[in-house]
Amino acid sequence: MVVKVKGREITVIQWRDEVHAVRNICPHQTQSFKGAHVRPSFTARPGSVGELVMEQGEPVLVCPVHTWSFNLRSGKCTVDESLRIRRYETAIEDGRLLIDVSS
């Protein structure tokens, strides 16, 4: 879902028991993440050609426009490491989601 916090559009994503918050702009071509989906990351199996292994613990946000993907924990783009998404720290207190936009 996309929310506004202090004038900033932020995409909030729940991945299993984690809540992530990122700036609602894909740095690839400045598109919104509205409608994006989250999936596990994939890596190449060592010593193989074209065989991928799903990494259950690493959530990846996939842009709905051009399908570029970003690791939700690091913010790094999986296609071009020079790109990253702006991440915000989150916490849940008394059933409320808190997003730290101070930095």
C-alpha atoms as a PDB file:
ATOM      1  CA  MET A   1       0.000   0.000   0.000  1.00  0.00           C
ATOM      2  CA  VAL A   2       1.071   3.581  -0.572  1.00  0.00           C
ATOM      3  CA  VAL A   3       0.772   6.063   2.309  1.00  0.00           C
ATOM      4  CA  LYS A   4       1.758   9.694   2.868  1.00  0.00           C
ATOM      5  CA  VAL A   5       4.025  10.499   5.794  1.00  0.00           C
ATOM      6  CA  LYS A   6       5.019  14.144   6.288  1.00  0.00           C
ATOM      7  CA  GLY A   7       4.341  14.860   2.603  1.00  0.00           C
ATOM      8  CA  ARG A   8       6.306  11.843   1.325  1.00  0.00           C
ATOM      9  CA  GLU A   9       4.741   8.966  -0.578  1.00  0.00           C
ATOM     10  CA  ILE A  10       5.921   5.725   0.978  1.00  0.00           C
ATOM     11  CA  THR A  11       5.209   2.174  -0.112  1.00  0.00           C
ATOM     12  CA  VAL A  12       4.570  -0.154   2.826  1.00  0.00           C
ATOM     13  CA  ILE A  13       5.157  -3.860   2.268  1.00  0.00           C
ATOM     14  CA  GLN A  14       4.537  -6.799   4.547  1.00  0.00           C
ATOM     15  CA  TRP A  15       6.785  -9.802   3.893  1.00  0.00           C
ATOM     16  CA  ARG A  16       5.949 -12.651   6.210  1.00  0.00           C
ATOM     17  CA  ASP A  17       6.422 -11.169   9.703  1.00  0.00           C
ATOM     18  CA  GLU A  18       8.435  -8.139   8.524  1.00  0.00           C
ATOM     19  CA  VAL A  19       7.154  -4.697   7.546  1.00  0.00           C
ATOM     20  CA  HIS A  20       9.221  -2.637   5.104  1.00  0.00           C
ATOM     21  CA  ALA A  21       8.796   0.988   4.041  1.00  0.00           C
ATOM     22  CA  VAL A  22      10.415   2.472   0.928  1.00  0.00           C
ATOM     23  CA  ARG A  23      10.114   5.720  -1.009  1.00  0.00           C
ATOM     24  CA  ASN A  24       7.378   5.308  -3.596  1.00  0.00           C
ATOM     25  CA  ILE A  25       9.652   5.957  -6.566  1.00  0.00           C
ATOM     26  CA  CYS A  26      11.457   3.318  -8.594  1.00  0.00           C
ATOM     27  CA  PRO A  27      14.858   4.841  -9.404  1.00  0.00           C
ATOM     28  CA  HIS A  28      14.962   3.079 -12.788  1.00  0.00           C
ATOM     29  CA  GLN A  29      12.529   5.485 -14.460  1.00  0.00           C
ATOM     30  CA  THR A  30      10.834   7.230 -11.506  1.00  0.00           C
ATOM     31  CA  GLN A  31       7.656   5.154 -11.601  1.00  0.00           C
ATOM     32  CA  SER A  32       5.414   4.455  -8.607  1.00  0.00           C
ATOM     33  CA  PHE A  33       5.653   1.118  -6.811  1.00  0.00           C
ATOM     34  CA  LYS A  34       1.843   1.028  -6.548  1.00  0.00           C
ATOM     35  CA  GLY A  35       0.813  -2.428  -7.775  1.00  0.00           C
ATOM     36  CA  ALA A  36       4.298  -3.878  -7.236  1.00  0.00           C
ATOM     37  CA  HIS A  37       4.701  -7.391  -5.912  1.00  0.00           C
ATOM     38  CA  VAL A  38       7.173  -9.063  -3.580  1.00  0.00           C
ATOM     39  CA  ARG A  39       8.895 -12.369  -4.259  1.00  0.00           C
ATOM     40  CA  PRO A  40      11.878 -14.301  -2.904  1.00  0.00           C
ATOM     41  CA  SER A  41      15.231 -13.518  -4.501  1.00  0.00           C
ATOM     42  CA  PHE A  42      17.005 -15.949  -6.805  1.00  0.00           C
ATOM     43  CA  THR A  43      20.731 -16.626  -7.230  1.00  0.00           C
ATOM     44  CA  ALA A  44      22.671 -18.829  -9.611  1.00  0.00           C
ATOM     45  CA  ARG A  45      23.573 -22.246  -8.273  1.00  0.00           C
ATOM     46  CA  PRO A  46      27.385 -22.388  -7.923  1.00  0.00           C
ATOM     47  CA  GLY A  47      28.992 -24.333 -10.764  1.00  0.00           C
ATOM     48  CA  SER A  48      25.848 -24.402 -12.893  1.00  0.00           C
ATOM     49  CA  VAL A  49      24.724 -22.568 -15.998  1.00  0.00           C
ATOM     50  CA  GLY A  50      21.237 -21.099 -15.918  1.00  0.00           C
ATOM     51  CA  GLU A  51      20.115 -22.913 -12.762  1.00  0.00           C
ATOM     52  CA  LEU A  52      18.614 -20.617 -10.141  1.00  0.00           C
ATOM     53  CA  VAL A  53      18.091 -21.167  -6.443  1.00  0.00           C
ATOM     54  CA  MET A  54      15.304 -19.382  -4.558  1.00  0.00           C
ATOM     55  CA  GLU A  55      16.503 -17.649  -1.401  1.00  0.00           C
ATOM     56  CA  GLN A  56      13.549 -17.920   0.981  1.00  0.00           C
ATOM     57  CA  GLY A  57      14.852 -15.266   3.365  1.00  0.00           C
ATOM     58  CA  GLU A  58      15.484 -12.386   0.963  1.00  0.00           C
ATOM     59  CA  PRO A  59      12.412 -10.382  -0.099  1.00  0.00           C
ATOM     60  CA  VAL A  60      12.580  -8.568  -3.424  1.00  0.00           C
ATOM     61  CA  LEU A  61      10.233  -5.758  -4.503  1.00  0.00           C
ATOM     62  CA  VAL A  62       9.436  -5.894  -8.229  1.00  0.00           C
ATOM     63  CA  CYS A  63       8.449  -2.644  -9.978  1.00  0.00           C
ATOM     64  CA  PRO A  64       5.086  -3.058 -11.740  1.00  0.00           C
ATOM     65  CA  VAL A  65       6.134  -0.995 -14.779  1.00  0.00           C
ATOM     66  CA  HIS A  66       9.469  -2.403 -15.992  1.00  0.00           C
ATOM     67  CA  THR A  67       9.901  -5.341 -13.537  1.00  0.00           C
ATOM     68  CA  TRP A  68      13.193  -4.092 -12.127  1.00  0.00           C
ATOM     69  CA  SER A  69      13.677  -5.602  -8.682  1.00  0.00           C
ATOM     70  CA  PHE A  70      15.106  -4.337  -5.395  1.00  0.00           C
ATOM     71  CA  ASN A  71      16.187  -6.176  -2.257  1.00  0.00           C
ATOM     72  CA  LEU A  72      13.910  -4.867   0.501  1.00  0.00           C
ATOM     73  CA  ARG A  73      16.500  -5.317   3.250  1.00  0.00           C
ATOM     74  CA  SER A  74      19.407  -3.555   1.521  1.00  0.00           C
ATOM     75  CA  GLY A  75      17.580  -1.377  -0.997  1.00  0.00           C
ATOM     76  CA  LYS A  76      19.979  -2.489  -3.757  1.00  0.00           C
ATOM     77  CA  CYS A  77      18.713  -3.076  -7.268  1.00  0.00           C
ATOM     78  CA  THR A  78      19.201  -6.671  -8.402  1.00  0.00           C
ATOM     79  CA  VAL A  79      19.659  -5.575 -12.026  1.00  0.00           C
ATOM     80  CA  ASP A  80      21.943  -2.538 -11.641  1.00  0.00           C
ATOM     81  CA  GLU A  81      23.826  -2.209  -8.342  1.00  0.00           C
ATOM     82  CA  SER A  82      24.337   1.525  -8.914  1.00  0.00           C
ATOM     83  CA  LEU A  83      20.611   1.992  -8.211  1.00  0.00           C
ATOM     84  CA  ARG A  84      18.911   1.599  -4.850  1.00  0.00           C
ATOM     85  CA  ILE A  85      15.622   2.464  -3.224  1.00  0.00           C
ATOM     86  CA  ARG A  86      15.305   4.709  -0.190  1.00  0.00           C
ATOM     87  CA  ARG A  87      14.376   2.603   2.834  1.00  0.00           C
ATOM     88  CA  TYR A  88      12.824   3.790   6.086  1.00  0.00           C
ATOM     89  CA  GLU A  89      13.067   2.043   9.441  1.00  0.00           C
ATOM     90  CA  THR A  90       9.783   0.689  10.749  1.00  0.00           C
ATOM     91  CA  ALA A  91       8.466  -0.442  14.131  1.00  0.00           C
ATOM     92  CA  ILE A  92       5.172  -1.699  15.427  1.00  0.00           C
ATOM     93  CA  GLU A  93       4.088  -0.290  18.789  1.00  0.00           C
ATOM     94  CA  ASP A  94       0.681  -0.874  20.374  1.00  0.00           C
ATOM     95  CA  GLY A  95      -0.597  -2.229  17.050  1.00  0.00           C
ATOM     96  CA  ARG A  96       0.448   0.899  15.132  1.00  0.00           C
ATOM     97  CA  LEU A  97       3.020   1.055  12.350  1.00  0.00           C
ATOM     98  CA  LEU A  98       5.688   3.709  12.907  1.00  0.00           C
ATOM     99  CA  ILE A  99       7.867   4.862  10.007  1.00  0.00           C
ATOM    100  CA  ASP A 100      11.026   6.861  10.749  1.00  0.00           C
ATOM    101  CA  VAL A 101      11.389   9.544   8.064  1.00  0.00           C
ATOM    102  CA  SER A 102      13.799  11.695  10.084  1.00  0.00           C
ATOM    103  CA  SER A 103      16.979  10.898   8.158  1.00  0.00           C
END
